[in-house]
């Protein structure tokens, strides 16, 4: 796989997709779960799902403790047409306003 230079023409989400694939390893999300998510929802949507999962590991009320299981659940929802990544992203923004963290300083 050749690596493009930043700002080069091509997939504008390539850096996000690569970072999410690497983050899967750190989150102990299995390769097969990542591949299936990419095949079902597309690589960029799968990358956004990983970002959501990662961010929700520090959820103040219900933290994610099994990132691989959550990604598989999101993939199943995507197969049924029930996955709404936008809603998840906006919920994180709303929660961040209600529960400020040291990131907000």
C-alpha atoms as a PDB file:
ATOM      1  CA  UNK A   1       0.000   0.000   0.000  1.00  0.00           C
ATOM      2  CA  UNK A   2       1.524   3.295  -1.003  1.00  0.00           C
ATOM      3  CA  UNK A   3       1.227   6.199   1.381  1.00  0.00           C
ATOM      4  CA  UNK A   4       0.190   9.521  -0.102  1.00  0.00           C
ATOM      5  CA  UNK A   5       1.582  12.789   1.123  1.00  0.00           C
ATOM      6  CA  UNK A   6      -0.737  15.055   3.167  1.00  0.00           C
ATOM      7  CA  UNK A   7      -2.859  17.232   0.929  1.00  0.00           C
ATOM      8  CA  UNK A   8      -2.383  15.003  -2.120  1.00  0.00           C
ATOM      9  CA  UNK A   9      -5.334  14.225  -4.337  1.00  0.00           C
ATOM     10  CA  UNK A  10      -7.281  11.098  -3.543  1.00  0.00           C
ATOM     11  CA  UNK A  11      -9.606   9.964  -0.804  1.00  0.00           C
ATOM     12  CA  UNK A  12      -9.979  12.946   1.488  1.00  0.00           C
ATOM     13  CA  UNK A  13     -10.740  10.627   4.386  1.00  0.00           C
ATOM     14  CA  UNK A  14      -7.775   8.325   3.848  1.00  0.00           C
ATOM     15  CA  UNK A  15      -5.902   9.603   6.913  1.00  0.00           C
ATOM     16  CA  UNK A  16      -8.972   9.072   9.117  1.00  0.00           C
ATOM     17  CA  UNK A  17      -9.440   5.573   7.727  1.00  0.00           C
ATOM     18  CA  UNK A  18      -5.792   4.637   8.315  1.00  0.00           C
ATOM     19  CA  UNK A  19      -5.832   6.064  11.845  1.00  0.00           C
ATOM     20  CA  UNK A  20      -9.025   4.172  12.695  1.00  0.00           C
ATOM     21  CA  UNK A  21      -7.598   0.899  11.378  1.00  0.00           C
ATOM     22  CA  UNK A  22      -4.542   1.384  13.590  1.00  0.00           C
ATOM     23  CA  UNK A  23      -6.698   2.394  16.559  1.00  0.00           C
ATOM     24  CA  UNK A  24      -8.633  -0.864  16.224  1.00  0.00           C
ATOM     25  CA  UNK A  25      -5.505  -2.750  17.236  1.00  0.00           C
ATOM     26  CA  UNK A  26      -5.031  -0.508  20.286  1.00  0.00           C
ATOM     27  CA  UNK A  27      -8.693  -0.944  21.259  1.00  0.00           C
ATOM     28  CA  UNK A  28      -8.396  -4.723  20.787  1.00  0.00           C
ATOM     29  CA  UNK A  29     -10.989  -4.701  18.015  1.00  0.00           C
ATOM     30  CA  UNK A  30     -10.396  -7.816  15.949  1.00  0.00           C
ATOM     31  CA  UNK A  31      -9.314  -7.572  12.339  1.00  0.00           C
ATOM     32  CA  UNK A  32     -12.361  -9.504  11.143  1.00  0.00           C
ATOM     33  CA  UNK A  33     -14.719  -7.124  12.971  1.00  0.00           C
ATOM     34  CA  UNK A  34     -12.986  -4.156  11.282  1.00  0.00           C
ATOM     35  CA  UNK A  35     -13.072  -5.781   7.833  1.00  0.00           C
ATOM     36  CA  UNK A  36     -16.751  -6.682   8.165  1.00  0.00           C
ATOM     37  CA  UNK A  37     -17.585  -3.144   9.342  1.00  0.00           C
ATOM     38  CA  UNK A  38     -15.740  -1.711   6.318  1.00  0.00           C
ATOM     39  CA  UNK A  39     -17.527  -4.081   3.951  1.00  0.00           C
ATOM     40  CA  UNK A  40     -20.963  -3.375   5.413  1.00  0.00           C
ATOM     41  CA  UNK A  41     -20.877   0.368   6.074  1.00  0.00           C
ATOM     42  CA  UNK A  42     -17.914   1.540   4.028  1.00  0.00           C
ATOM     43  CA  UNK A  43     -14.428   2.315   5.290  1.00  0.00           C
ATOM     44  CA  UNK A  44     -15.076   5.923   6.280  1.00  0.00           C
ATOM     45  CA  UNK A  45     -18.296   5.150   8.150  1.00  0.00           C
ATOM     46  CA  UNK A  46     -16.469   2.301   9.907  1.00  0.00           C
ATOM     47  CA  UNK A  47     -13.705   4.765  10.833  1.00  0.00           C
ATOM     48  CA  UNK A  48     -16.285   7.167  12.283  1.00  0.00           C
ATOM     49  CA  UNK A  49     -17.774   4.255  14.231  1.00  0.00           C
ATOM     50  CA  UNK A  50     -14.336   3.533  15.733  1.00  0.00           C
ATOM     51  CA  UNK A  51     -13.963   7.209  16.700  1.00  0.00           C
ATOM     52  CA  UNK A  52     -17.366   7.072  18.412  1.00  0.00           C
ATOM     53  CA  UNK A  53     -16.461   3.854  20.216  1.00  0.00           C
ATOM     54  CA  UNK A  54     -13.116   5.263  21.336  1.00  0.00           C
ATOM     55  CA  UNK A  55     -14.703   8.472  22.606  1.00  0.00           C
ATOM     56  CA  UNK A  56     -17.399   6.539  24.454  1.00  0.00           C
ATOM     57  CA  UNK A  57     -14.849   4.551  26.436  1.00  0.00           C
ATOM     58  CA  UNK A  58     -14.930   7.514  28.829  1.00  0.00           C
ATOM     59  CA  UNK A  59     -18.721   7.916  28.801  1.00  0.00           C
ATOM     60  CA  UNK A  60     -19.663   9.218  32.276  1.00  0.00           C
ATOM     61  CA  UNK A  61     -22.640   6.875  32.699  1.00  0.00           C
ATOM     62  CA  UNK A  62     -22.185   3.849  30.410  1.00  0.00           C
ATOM     63  CA  UNK A  63     -18.572   3.553  29.231  1.00  0.00           C
ATOM     64  CA  UNK A  64     -17.700   1.158  26.425  1.00  0.00           C
ATOM     65  CA  UNK A  65     -15.848  -1.802  27.914  1.00  0.00           C
ATOM     66  CA  UNK A  66     -15.883  -4.102  24.873  1.00  0.00           C
ATOM     67  CA  UNK A  67     -15.021  -2.027  21.791  1.00  0.00           C
ATOM     68  CA  UNK A  68     -15.011  -5.055  19.479  1.00  0.00           C
ATOM     69  CA  UNK A  69     -18.468  -6.085  20.609  1.00  0.00           C
ATOM     70  CA  UNK A  70     -19.762  -2.560  20.106  1.00  0.00           C
ATOM     71  CA  UNK A  71     -18.337  -2.416  16.567  1.00  0.00           C
ATOM     72  CA  UNK A  72     -19.950  -5.766  15.759  1.00  0.00           C
ATOM     73  CA  UNK A  73     -23.254  -4.452  17.142  1.00  0.00           C
ATOM     74  CA  UNK A  74     -22.957  -1.297  15.048  1.00  0.00           C
ATOM     75  CA  UNK A  75     -22.207  -3.434  11.990  1.00  0.00           C
ATOM     76  CA  UNK A  76     -25.319  -5.524  12.645  1.00  0.00           C
ATOM     77  CA  UNK A  77     -27.380  -2.331  12.938  1.00  0.00           C
ATOM     78  CA  UNK A  78     -25.910  -1.095   9.661  1.00  0.00           C
ATOM     79  CA  UNK A  79     -26.940  -4.349   7.975  1.00  0.00           C
ATOM     80  CA  UNK A  80     -30.522  -3.743   9.132  1.00  0.00           C
ATOM     81  CA  UNK A  81     -30.424  -0.079   8.137  1.00  0.00           C
ATOM     82  CA  UNK A  82     -30.725   1.053  11.760  1.00  0.00           C
ATOM     83  CA  UNK A  83     -27.279   2.613  12.311  1.00  0.00           C
ATOM     84  CA  UNK A  84     -27.267   6.376  12.775  1.00  0.00           C
ATOM     85  CA  UNK A  85     -23.713   7.664  13.176  1.00  0.00           C
ATOM     86  CA  UNK A  86     -24.870  11.295  13.025  1.00  0.00           C
ATOM     87  CA  UNK A  87     -27.042  10.804  16.090  1.00  0.00           C
ATOM     88  CA  UNK A  88     -24.124   9.252  17.952  1.00  0.00           C
ATOM     89  CA  UNK A  89     -21.809  12.128  17.040  1.00  0.00           C
ATOM     90  CA  UNK A  90     -24.342  14.766  18.098  1.00  0.00           C
ATOM     91  CA  UNK A  91     -24.947  12.885  21.363  1.00  0.00           C
ATOM     92  CA  UNK A  92     -21.212  13.084  22.096  1.00  0.00           C
ATOM     93  CA  UNK A  93     -21.241  16.838  21.433  1.00  0.00           C
ATOM     94  CA  UNK A  94     -24.274  17.298  23.678  1.00  0.00           C
ATOM     95  CA  UNK A  95     -22.722  15.181  26.426  1.00  0.00           C
ATOM     96  CA  UNK A  96     -19.484  17.139  26.225  1.00  0.00           C
ATOM     97  CA  UNK A  97     -21.421  20.331  26.938  1.00  0.00           C
ATOM     98  CA  UNK A  98     -23.126  18.697  29.935  1.00  0.00           C
ATOM     99  CA  UNK A  99     -20.007  16.946  31.266  1.00  0.00           C
ATOM    100  CA  UNK A 100     -16.978  19.158  30.456  1.00  0.00           C
ATOM    101  CA  UNK A 101     -13.622  17.401  30.595  1.00  0.00           C
ATOM    102  CA  UNK A 102     -10.032  18.511  30.821  1.00  0.00           C
ATOM    103  CA  UNK A 103     -10.012  18.462  26.998  1.00  0.00           C
ATOM    104  CA  UNK A 104     -12.281  21.515  27.042  1.00  0.00           C
ATOM    105  CA  UNK A 105      -9.872  23.725  28.973  1.00  0.00           C
END
